[in-house]
């Protein structure tokens, strides 16, 4: 099943000691799901005992792979100069850890959506696959995704998962999360629930969250006044403007479901300036559970997306394409963290 042990640890020596073939050792040390868990753990234990490390250069020559993934952040409006949505920034740690566990390097790059980033990465072969985070208006981003699919590029994006999805996509159950937020507000006695977020094809995740809210209202025998829906993108400034627009319409409301925490935090400032108490006058639910949500005044009830699972699923989705195997489930569960903004 392999060569006899030599003085220098090699994958062939591990194969000999484990009683498997050398290709099985290579697959196991790459974390391939084609190797059983028991065999993989046995091989990893032997590798640790021998202080064996994978020779990435030799592996790359054999497989014509760089053993590198590229993580592309696209700029989002933020109150600071980072131009990176804090939710995506928090996902970086999970992606980095999972790449390290798989023996992969991670190239992190910041991109402007209007640049020809897709061509640069297709032609340079700097990475075996791409992870795309943040894109703003989906309709402006769509054509780039089609070009990546046409070129056979291995890529995955974080976003809305539906039948019309272009390429590999990993995302949260936005519809279920919207329904969860609506049910929570209704259970707290709220009946006139406003939605702040651009709920259309330009922002499909927001659209699904709003649809979930409408389902919760309908199940309770309620409906939403169209005047209680105000467009907003994911920024405090946009949330501030949307809340001002909502108040200016003069239509009564007793709760707000914001499509993101940044929108919710911007709205909170407007309500405070207008003399409206949260949650006594208006309850608020956000989405993402960014670090600032717990420090808002009052702390924000919000929908939590599983950062650890998200990072792992994004990396595994790209690897599945590279290794021609079945990718992991694309839709991830969410949960609600109840804080003072809804009376928690």
Protein backbone atom coordinates (compact mmCIF):
# COMPACT_ATOMS: atom_id res chain seq x y z
CA UNK A 1 0.00 0.00 0.00
CA UNK A 2 2.99 2.32 0.03
CA UNK A 3 6.74 2.63 0.48
CA UNK A 4 8.64 1.61 3.58
CA UNK A 5 9.44 4.46 5.97
CA UNK A 6 12.44 6.61 5.03
CA UNK A 7 14.47 9.03 7.17
CA UNK A 8 12.59 12.06 5.89
CA UNK A 9 8.82 12.23 6.46
CA UNK A 10 6.91 12.01 3.21
CA UNK A 11 3.35 11.39 2.16
CA UNK A 12 4.43 7.90 1.09
CA UNK A 13 5.61 7.16 4.64
CA UNK A 14 2.28 8.33 6.04
CA UNK A 15 0.53 6.10 3.51
CA UNK A 16 2.65 3.11 4.63
CA UNK A 17 1.89 3.69 8.31
CA UNK A 18 -1.82 4.35 7.69
CA UNK A 19 -2.20 1.41 5.34
CA UNK A 20 -3.62 3.51 2.52
CA UNK A 21 -2.46 4.78 -0.86
CA UNK A 22 -0.44 7.99 -1.29
CA UNK A 23 -3.25 9.71 -3.26
CA UNK A 24 -5.56 9.00 -0.32
CA UNK A 25 -3.07 10.75 1.98
CA UNK A 26 -2.98 13.77 -0.34
CA UNK A 27 -6.76 13.99 -0.45
CA UNK A 28 -7.06 13.58 3.31
CA UNK A 29 -4.54 16.33 4.06
CA UNK A 30 -6.45 18.64 1.71
CA UNK A 31 -9.58 17.95 3.77
CA UNK A 32 -11.35 16.19 0.91
CA UNK A 33 -14.76 14.75 1.82
CA UNK A 34 -14.02 11.79 -0.48
CA UNK A 35 -11.94 10.33 2.37
CA UNK A 36 -13.89 8.99 5.34
CA UNK A 37 -13.67 10.91 8.61
CA UNK A 38 -12.01 8.00 10.42
CA UNK A 39 -9.33 7.58 7.75
CA UNK A 40 -8.76 11.32 7.52
CA UNK A 41 -8.30 11.63 11.28
CA UNK A 42 -5.91 8.67 11.31
CA UNK A 43 -3.79 10.20 8.54
CA UNK A 44 -3.78 13.63 10.21
CA UNK A 45 -2.65 12.08 13.52
CA UNK A 46 0.25 10.28 11.82
CA UNK A 47 1.22 13.48 9.98
CA UNK A 48 1.33 15.37 13.29
CA UNK A 49 3.46 12.66 14.91
CA UNK A 50 5.97 12.89 12.07
CA UNK A 51 5.88 16.73 12.00
CA UNK A 52 4.93 16.41 8.35
CA UNK A 53 3.89 19.53 6.43
CA UNK A 54 2.52 19.68 2.91
CA UNK A 55 4.97 20.97 0.30
CA UNK A 56 2.69 23.52 -1.34
CA UNK A 57 5.06 24.20 -4.22
CA UNK A 58 5.32 20.53 -5.16
CA UNK A 59 1.58 20.09 -4.74
CA UNK A 60 0.89 23.09 -6.97
CA UNK A 61 3.13 21.74 -9.71
CA UNK A 62 1.34 18.40 -9.67
CA UNK A 63 -2.18 19.77 -9.60
CA UNK A 64 -1.67 23.03 -11.53
CA UNK A 65 -3.28 24.79 -8.57
CA UNK A 66 -2.05 27.80 -6.64
CA UNK A 67 -3.65 26.54 -3.40
CA UNK A 68 -4.87 30.10 -2.97
CA UNK A 69 -8.36 31.56 -2.81
CA UNK A 70 -9.09 35.24 -3.40
CA UNK A 71 -11.56 37.11 -1.21
CA UNK A 72 -12.88 40.21 -2.96
CA UNK A 73 -14.57 42.91 -0.90
CA UNK A 74 -16.67 45.40 -2.85
CA UNK A 75 -17.02 48.88 -1.44
CA UNK A 76 -20.10 49.75 0.61
CA UNK A 77 -21.01 53.17 2.02
CA UNK A 78 -19.87 53.42 5.66
CA UNK A 79 -19.58 56.29 8.15
CA UNK A 80 -15.82 55.72 8.40
CA UNK A 81 -13.29 55.39 5.57
CA UNK A 82 -13.26 51.58 5.47
CA UNK A 83 -16.04 51.34 2.85
CA UNK A 84 -16.56 47.74 3.98
CA UNK A 85 -19.86 46.59 5.46
CA UNK A 86 -19.07 45.58 9.08
CA UNK A 87 -21.05 42.35 8.62
CA UNK A 88 -18.72 41.25 5.83
CA UNK A 89 -15.70 42.36 7.81
CA UNK A 90 -16.75 40.08 10.67
CA UNK A 91 -16.98 37.18 8.19
CA UNK A 92 -13.30 37.59 7.28
CA UNK A 93 -12.09 35.78 10.39
CA UNK A 94 -14.23 32.71 9.70
CA UNK A 95 -13.11 32.51 6.07
CA UNK A 96 -9.45 32.93 7.03
CA UNK A 97 -9.61 30.22 9.71
CA UNK A 98 -11.28 27.72 7.40
CA UNK A 99 -8.76 28.39 4.63
CA UNK A 100 -5.94 27.80 7.12
CA UNK A 101 -7.56 24.54 8.24
CA UNK A 102 -7.61 23.42 4.61
CA UNK A 103 -3.97 24.39 4.02
CA UNK A 104 -4.96 27.23 1.70
CA UNK A 105 -3.62 30.74 1.40
CA UNK A 106 -6.11 33.60 1.22
CA UNK A 107 -5.59 36.67 -0.91
CA UNK A 108 -7.75 39.57 0.33
CA UNK A 109 -8.48 42.37 -2.10
CA UNK A 110 -10.68 45.48 -2.06
CA UNK A 111 -12.47 46.26 -5.30
CA UNK A 112 -14.67 48.92 -6.81
CA UNK A 113 -17.65 47.39 -8.55
CA UNK A 114 -17.12 49.39 -11.73
CA UNK A 115 -13.55 48.11 -12.16
CA UNK A 116 -12.71 45.13 -14.40
CA UNK A 117 -11.90 42.93 -11.39
CA UNK A 118 -13.43 39.87 -13.02
CA UNK A 119 -11.08 40.07 -16.00
CA UNK A 120 -7.98 40.54 -13.83
CA UNK A 121 -8.62 37.41 -11.82
CA UNK A 122 -9.73 35.31 -14.78
CA UNK A 123 -6.62 36.11 -16.81
CA UNK A 124 -3.94 36.20 -14.12
CA UNK A 125 -4.75 32.82 -12.50
CA UNK A 126 -3.62 34.32 -9.20
CA UNK A 127 -6.16 32.18 -7.35
CA UNK A 128 -7.96 28.88 -7.83
CA UNK A 129 -11.30 30.44 -6.92
CA UNK A 130 -13.01 33.65 -5.84
CA UNK A 131 -15.18 34.54 -2.84
CA UNK A 132 -17.23 37.68 -3.47
CA UNK A 133 -18.59 39.78 -0.60
CA UNK A 134 -20.68 42.94 -0.99
CA UNK A 135 -22.05 44.17 -4.28
CA UNK A 136 -24.65 46.90 -3.74
CA UNK A 137 -27.20 47.01 -6.54
CA UNK A 138 -27.48 43.41 -7.79
CA UNK A 139 -28.73 44.43 -11.23
CA UNK A 140 -25.43 46.26 -11.86
CA UNK A 141 -23.43 43.25 -10.66
CA UNK A 142 -25.34 40.61 -12.59
CA UNK A 143 -23.49 40.95 -15.90
CA UNK A 144 -20.11 40.36 -14.19
CA UNK A 145 -21.42 37.13 -12.68
CA UNK A 146 -22.60 35.93 -16.07
CA UNK A 147 -19.13 36.56 -17.48
CA UNK A 148 -17.54 34.55 -14.68
CA UNK A 149 -19.92 31.65 -15.34
CA UNK A 150 -19.21 31.80 -19.08
CA UNK A 151 -15.45 31.74 -18.45
CA UNK A 152 -15.75 28.71 -16.16
CA UNK A 153 -14.35 30.61 -13.17
CA UNK A 154 -14.67 28.93 -9.79
CA UNK A 155 -16.47 31.46 -7.63
CA UNK A 156 -19.06 31.87 -4.91
CA UNK A 157 -20.83 34.95 -3.63
CA UNK A 158 -22.68 35.77 -0.45
CA UNK A 159 -26.22 36.84 -1.26
CA UNK A 160 -29.78 35.89 -2.01
CA UNK A 161 -30.29 32.21 -2.86
CA UNK A 162 -33.15 31.50 -5.25
CA UNK A 163 -33.94 29.74 -8.51
CA UNK A 164 -32.59 32.61 -10.59
CA UNK A 165 -29.23 32.67 -8.82
CA UNK A 166 -26.27 33.11 -11.17
CA UNK A 167 -23.36 30.87 -10.21
CA UNK A 168 -22.71 29.46 -6.76
CA UNK A 169 -24.33 31.44 -3.96
CA UNK A 170 -24.34 31.01 -0.19
CA UNK A 171 -26.72 33.04 1.96
CA UNK A 172 -29.04 33.08 4.93
CA UNK A 173 -32.72 32.18 4.97
CA UNK A 174 -33.79 35.79 4.43
CA UNK A 175 -37.47 34.98 3.99
CA UNK A 176 -37.57 32.90 7.16
CA UNK A 177 -35.66 35.60 9.02
CA UNK A 178 -38.13 38.28 7.92
CA UNK A 179 -41.01 36.12 9.07
CA UNK A 180 -39.24 35.55 12.39
CA UNK A 181 -38.78 39.29 12.92
CA UNK A 182 -42.43 39.95 12.05
CA UNK A 183 -43.73 37.25 14.37
CA UNK A 184 -41.65 38.66 17.21
CA UNK A 185 -43.00 42.19 16.73
CA UNK A 186 -46.57 40.93 16.42
CA UNK A 187 -46.13 38.91 19.62
CA UNK A 188 -45.09 42.16 21.31
CA UNK A 189 -48.42 43.70 20.34
CA UNK A 190 -47.22 45.67 17.33
CA UNK A 191 -49.64 45.94 14.44
CA UNK A 192 -48.40 48.74 12.18
CA UNK A 193 -44.92 47.60 11.22
CA UNK A 194 -42.80 49.69 8.87
CA UNK A 195 -40.05 48.25 6.69
CA UNK A 196 -36.91 50.24 5.89
CA UNK A 197 -34.92 48.78 2.99
CA UNK A 198 -35.06 48.68 -0.80
CA UNK A 199 -37.29 45.64 -1.23
CA UNK A 200 -36.97 44.96 -4.97
CA UNK A 201 -34.83 43.12 -7.52
CA UNK A 202 -31.97 45.59 -7.01
CA UNK A 203 -31.53 44.27 -3.44
CA UNK A 204 -32.98 40.72 -3.47
CA UNK A 205 -31.93 39.93 0.12
CA UNK A 206 -33.95 42.93 1.36
CA UNK A 207 -36.82 41.87 -0.91
CA UNK A 208 -36.92 38.42 0.69
CA UNK A 209 -36.76 39.86 4.22
CA UNK A 210 -39.71 42.10 3.44
CA UNK A 211 -41.62 39.17 1.92
CA UNK A 212 -41.09 37.21 5.14
CA UNK A 213 -42.46 40.11 7.16
CA UNK A 214 -45.56 40.25 4.93
CA UNK A 215 -46.09 36.51 5.44
CA UNK A 216 -46.00 36.98 9.23
CA UNK A 217 -48.50 39.84 9.00
CA UNK A 218 -50.83 37.84 6.77
CA UNK A 219 -50.71 34.86 9.14
CA UNK A 220 -51.87 37.19 11.92
CA UNK A 221 -54.70 38.59 9.78
CA UNK A 222 -52.84 41.87 9.22
CA UNK A 223 -51.62 43.76 6.19
CA UNK A 224 -49.02 46.46 5.66
CA UNK A 225 -49.82 49.98 4.53
CA UNK A 226 -47.63 50.64 1.44
CA UNK A 227 -46.77 54.02 2.97
CA UNK A 228 -44.86 52.15 5.67
CA UNK A 229 -42.27 50.84 3.21
CA UNK A 230 -39.33 53.18 2.58
CA UNK A 231 -36.31 52.44 0.41
CA UNK A 232 -32.89 52.38 2.06
CA UNK A 233 -29.51 50.84 1.35
CA UNK A 234 -27.33 49.40 4.10
CA UNK A 235 -25.86 52.50 5.75
CA UNK A 236 -26.61 54.63 8.79
CA UNK A 237 -27.04 57.67 6.58
CA UNK A 238 -29.61 55.89 4.43
CA UNK A 239 -31.44 54.63 7.53
CA UNK A 240 -31.50 58.15 8.91
CA UNK A 241 -32.99 59.49 5.68
CA UNK A 242 -35.52 56.67 5.41
CA UNK A 243 -36.78 57.24 8.96
CA UNK A 244 -37.17 60.96 8.28
CA UNK A 245 -39.18 60.13 5.15
CA UNK A 246 -41.33 57.71 7.14
CA UNK A 247 -42.14 60.34 9.77
CA UNK A 248 -42.86 62.96 7.12
CA UNK A 249 -45.63 60.81 5.62
CA UNK A 250 -47.67 61.20 8.78
CA UNK A 251 -48.82 57.57 8.74
CA UNK A 252 -48.92 55.98 12.22
CA UNK A 253 -46.58 53.08 12.97
CA UNK A 254 -45.56 51.28 16.15
CA UNK A 255 -42.63 49.21 14.93
CA UNK A 256 -39.80 49.18 12.37
CA UNK A 257 -38.15 46.17 10.80
CA UNK A 258 -34.93 47.47 9.24
CA UNK A 259 -33.25 45.42 6.52
CA UNK A 260 -29.87 45.88 8.24
CA UNK A 261 -28.50 47.01 11.59
CA UNK A 262 -26.89 50.03 9.98
CA UNK A 263 -30.31 51.16 8.72
CA UNK A 264 -31.83 50.51 12.15
CA UNK A 265 -29.15 52.49 13.99
CA UNK A 266 -29.65 55.46 11.66
CA UNK A 267 -33.41 55.25 12.24
CA UNK A 268 -32.97 55.18 16.03
CA UNK A 269 -31.31 58.59 15.95
CA UNK A 270 -34.21 60.09 14.02
CA UNK A 271 -36.80 58.67 16.42
CA UNK A 272 -34.88 60.05 19.40
CA UNK A 273 -34.70 63.50 17.78
CA UNK A 274 -38.47 63.32 17.16
CA UNK A 275 -39.13 62.57 20.84
CA UNK A 276 -40.26 58.99 20.19
CA UNK A 277 -39.14 56.44 22.77
CA UNK A 278 -37.80 53.01 21.78
CA UNK A 279 -39.43 50.58 22.44
CA UNK A 280 -42.33 52.31 24.23
CA UNK A 281 -43.50 54.23 21.15
CA UNK A 282 -41.72 52.33 18.39
CA UNK A 283 -40.07 48.89 18.60
CA UNK A 284 -37.14 48.24 16.26
CA UNK A 285 -35.63 45.04 14.83
CA UNK A 286 -32.43 45.08 12.75
CA UNK A 287 -30.54 42.46 10.76
CA UNK A 288 -26.91 41.19 10.93
CA UNK A 289 -25.99 41.63 14.62
CA UNK A 290 -22.95 43.77 13.84
CA UNK A 291 -20.89 44.75 16.94
CA UNK A 292 -22.54 48.21 17.08
CA UNK A 293 -25.99 46.63 17.48
CA UNK A 294 -25.32 45.61 21.08
CA UNK A 295 -24.07 49.10 21.95
CA UNK A 296 -26.91 51.05 20.32
CA UNK A 297 -29.20 53.13 22.54
CA UNK A 298 -31.18 51.09 23.37
CA UNK A 299 -29.41 47.85 22.37
CA UNK A 300 -30.87 46.50 19.16
CA UNK A 301 -32.95 43.35 18.74
CA UNK A 302 -31.63 41.81 15.55
CA UNK A 303 -31.47 38.79 13.29
CA UNK A 304 -28.20 36.89 13.63
CA UNK A 305 -26.56 35.24 10.64
CA UNK A 306 -24.16 32.41 11.49
CA UNK A 307 -20.74 33.87 10.68
CA UNK A 308 -18.84 30.65 11.34
CA UNK A 309 -21.08 28.54 9.11
CA UNK A 310 -21.10 31.27 6.46
CA UNK A 311 -17.32 31.40 6.20
CA UNK A 312 -17.01 27.63 6.09
CA UNK A 313 -19.77 27.25 3.49
CA UNK A 314 -18.21 29.90 1.21
CA UNK A 315 -14.80 28.22 1.28
CA UNK A 316 -16.28 24.73 0.87
CA UNK A 317 -18.42 25.88 -2.05
CA UNK A 318 -15.36 27.03 -3.99
CA UNK A 319 -13.38 23.91 -3.09
CA UNK A 320 -16.28 21.72 -4.21
CA UNK A 321 -16.13 23.34 -7.65
CA UNK A 322 -12.35 22.94 -7.86
CA UNK A 323 -12.45 19.32 -6.72
CA UNK A 324 -15.60 18.51 -8.71
CA UNK A 325 -17.69 17.35 -5.77
CA UNK A 326 -21.10 18.26 -4.35
CA UNK A 327 -21.10 21.64 -2.55
CA UNK A 328 -22.54 22.10 0.97
CA UNK A 329 -26.08 23.45 1.57
CA UNK A 330 -26.34 27.02 0.35
CA UNK A 331 -29.09 28.39 2.63
CA UNK A 332 -28.05 28.90 6.26
CA UNK A 333 -30.35 29.25 9.29
CA UNK A 334 -30.80 32.47 11.28
CA UNK A 335 -31.94 33.29 14.80
CA UNK A 336 -33.26 36.33 16.64
CA UNK A 337 -31.39 38.00 19.49
CA UNK A 338 -33.87 39.94 21.62
CA UNK A 339 -32.64 43.14 23.24
CA UNK A 340 -34.13 46.31 24.67
CA UNK A 341 -35.24 47.86 21.35
CA UNK A 342 -38.29 45.55 21.39
CA UNK A 343 -38.68 45.43 25.14
CA UNK A 344 -36.45 42.40 25.65
